[in-house]
Amino acid sequence: MTISSTRRTVLAAGAAGAAALLVGCSEYGNENGGDEAESPAQEEPTSGESPGEAPAGEELAKTADIPVGGGKIFKDEQVVVTQPEQGEFKAFSAICTHQRCTVANVSDGTINCTCHGSKFRVADASVADGPATRPLPEEKIAVTGNSIRLA
């Protein structure tokens, strides 16, 4: 065996190993190139319940905690509660439909994801600005008196 064939063998094996590592570590549909700076939502349950869901009936907030024309994000429950008009409360998933990051804030009438800049309207969670193309899914809440609970 010559030195050049050994070098070719080593390089070919190294390239094959690198390719296998790349395929094994990549995520189907991940458009961010593996950038770990973003914070996609966890997808696995931790204690027998669905991920991020608070038990039904658990109080999320008082109605006074949700500003009119704005909202509040409940990261542990992965829910955002909004009050588009006085006394009208709505809830949506806090997980962005673009790349599954948790939305970061609610301001100026939109629910905002800072991972890639998507914005959703507080009234119906429809897309106000992309790259997301789908609205945030609606969540069920119950408002009793001044208490907002997951339904």
Protein backbone atom coordinates (compact mmCIF):
# COMPACT_ATOMS: atom_id res chain seq x y z
CA MET A 1 0.00 0.00 0.00
CA THR A 2 1.37 3.39 -0.88
CA ILE A 3 1.24 6.59 1.13
CA SER A 4 -1.15 8.21 -1.36
CA SER A 5 -3.67 5.35 -1.08
CA THR A 6 -3.48 5.51 2.72
CA ARG A 7 -4.07 9.25 2.57
CA ARG A 8 -7.07 8.72 0.25
CA THR A 9 -8.46 6.06 2.56
CA VAL A 10 -8.09 8.27 5.61
CA LEU A 11 -9.63 11.28 3.84
CA ALA A 12 -12.53 9.20 2.48
CA ALA A 13 -13.21 7.70 5.91
CA GLY A 14 -13.01 11.15 7.51
CA ALA A 15 -15.40 12.62 4.95
CA ALA A 16 -17.84 9.74 5.44
CA GLY A 17 -17.67 10.16 9.21
CA ALA A 18 -18.24 13.93 8.96
CA ALA A 19 -21.21 13.38 6.65
CA ALA A 20 -22.71 10.84 9.06
CA LEU A 21 -22.22 13.25 11.96
CA LEU A 22 -23.82 16.10 10.03
CA VAL A 23 -26.84 14.01 9.08
CA GLY A 24 -27.19 12.61 12.59
CA CYS A 25 -27.03 16.04 14.23
CA SER A 26 -29.23 17.91 11.78
CA GLU A 27 -32.91 18.48 12.33
CA TYR A 28 -35.38 18.01 9.49
CA GLY A 29 -36.86 21.37 8.50
CA ASN A 30 -34.43 23.39 10.62
CA GLU A 31 -33.79 26.50 8.53
CA ASN A 32 -31.60 28.30 11.05
CA GLY A 33 -28.47 26.29 10.22
CA GLY A 34 -28.13 24.86 13.71
CA ASP A 35 -27.85 28.27 15.39
CA GLU A 36 -28.34 27.58 19.08
CA ALA A 37 -28.90 31.27 19.92
CA GLU A 38 -32.64 30.82 19.49
CA SER A 39 -34.83 29.19 22.09
CA PRO A 40 -37.25 26.76 20.44
CA ALA A 41 -39.93 25.39 22.72
CA GLN A 42 -39.46 22.00 24.32
CA GLU A 43 -41.54 19.28 22.75
CA GLU A 44 -41.27 16.47 25.29
CA PRO A 45 -43.60 16.01 28.26
CA THR A 46 -41.95 16.13 31.68
CA SER A 47 -44.46 14.82 34.22
CA GLY A 48 -47.21 12.87 32.48
CA GLU A 49 -48.96 16.06 31.33
CA SER A 50 -48.71 17.64 27.92
CA PRO A 51 -45.69 19.90 27.64
CA GLY A 52 -46.15 23.37 29.02
CA GLU A 53 -49.78 22.91 29.87
CA ALA A 54 -51.00 23.93 33.28
CA PRO A 55 -53.67 21.72 34.80
CA ALA A 56 -57.15 22.70 33.66
CA GLY A 57 -58.75 25.16 36.03
CA GLU A 58 -55.45 26.58 37.34
CA GLU A 59 -55.62 30.36 37.53
CA LEU A 60 -53.33 32.07 35.05
CA ALA A 61 -54.00 35.68 36.01
CA LYS A 62 -56.45 38.25 37.24
CA THR A 63 -58.27 40.19 34.55
CA ALA A 64 -56.56 43.38 35.77
CA ASP A 65 -53.16 41.81 34.91
CA ILE A 66 -53.95 41.80 31.17
CA PRO A 67 -53.74 45.27 29.56
CA VAL A 68 -56.41 46.40 27.09
CA GLY A 69 -54.97 46.18 23.57
CA GLY A 70 -52.12 44.02 24.87
CA GLY A 71 -51.50 40.76 26.63
CA LYS A 72 -49.31 38.69 28.91
CA ILE A 73 -47.19 35.64 28.12
CA PHE A 74 -47.21 32.65 30.47
CA LYS A 75 -44.02 30.82 29.44
CA ASP A 76 -44.44 27.81 31.73
CA GLU A 77 -47.94 27.16 30.36
CA GLN A 78 -46.91 28.16 26.79
CA VAL A 79 -49.96 30.43 26.55
CA VAL A 80 -50.42 34.11 25.79
CA VAL A 81 -53.59 35.81 27.04
CA THR A 82 -54.73 39.01 25.32
CA GLN A 83 -57.42 41.62 25.88
CA PRO A 84 -58.10 43.16 22.45
CA GLU A 85 -61.06 45.21 23.78
CA GLN A 86 -62.12 46.05 27.33
CA GLY A 87 -63.51 42.86 28.92
CA GLU A 88 -62.73 40.60 25.91
CA PHE A 89 -60.10 37.99 26.75
CA LYS A 90 -58.52 35.54 24.32
CA ALA A 91 -55.77 32.96 24.62
CA PHE A 92 -53.37 31.56 22.07
CA SER A 93 -50.38 29.25 22.00
CA ALA A 94 -47.19 31.10 22.91
CA ILE A 95 -45.23 28.95 20.45
CA CYS A 96 -44.45 30.69 17.16
CA THR A 97 -45.72 28.82 14.11
CA HIS A 98 -42.55 29.66 12.15
CA GLN A 99 -39.79 27.80 14.04
CA ARG A 100 -41.44 26.95 17.40
CA CYS A 101 -39.70 29.61 19.49
CA THR A 102 -41.62 30.96 22.46
CA VAL A 103 -42.99 34.42 21.72
CA ALA A 104 -41.13 37.13 23.63
CA ASN A 105 -43.49 40.03 24.28
CA VAL A 106 -46.79 41.75 23.53
CA SER A 107 -46.68 45.39 22.43
CA ASP A 108 -48.36 47.81 20.05
CA GLY A 109 -51.24 45.40 19.40
CA THR A 110 -49.08 42.43 18.42
CA ILE A 111 -47.66 39.28 19.97
CA ASN A 112 -43.98 39.30 19.00
CA CYS A 113 -41.50 36.51 18.36
CA THR A 114 -37.96 37.85 18.44
CA CYS A 115 -36.34 34.72 16.95
CA HIS A 116 -37.09 35.83 13.38
CA GLY A 117 -39.40 38.84 13.78
CA SER A 118 -42.85 37.31 13.34
CA LYS A 119 -45.77 39.34 14.74
CA PHE A 120 -49.33 38.19 15.46
CA ARG A 121 -52.41 40.37 16.08
CA VAL A 122 -53.72 40.35 19.69
CA ALA A 123 -57.34 40.13 18.49
CA ASP A 124 -57.11 36.83 16.61
CA ALA A 125 -53.41 35.80 16.50
CA SER A 126 -53.38 36.18 12.72
CA VAL A 127 -50.02 36.99 11.15
CA ALA A 128 -49.31 40.72 11.09
CA ASP A 129 -45.71 40.31 9.89
CA GLY A 130 -43.76 37.22 8.81
CA PRO A 131 -41.83 35.08 8.27
CA ALA A 132 -44.57 33.02 10.02
CA THR A 133 -47.40 32.18 7.61
CA ARG A 134 -49.90 30.60 10.05
CA PRO A 135 -51.67 32.19 13.03
CA LEU A 136 -51.00 31.10 16.59
CA PRO A 137 -53.45 28.33 17.58
CA GLU A 138 -56.27 29.39 19.91
CA GLU A 139 -56.27 28.05 23.47
CA LYS A 140 -59.31 27.66 25.73
CA ILE A 141 -59.67 29.83 28.81
CA ALA A 142 -62.52 30.57 31.20
CA VAL A 143 -63.06 34.01 32.70
CA THR A 144 -65.02 33.95 35.95
CA GLY A 145 -65.33 37.22 37.80
CA ASN A 146 -61.81 38.65 37.76
CA SER A 147 -60.06 35.29 37.35
CA ILE A 148 -58.67 33.86 34.09
CA ARG A 149 -58.20 30.10 34.09
CA LEU A 150 -57.23 27.48 31.56
CA ALA A 151 -60.36 25.65 30.48
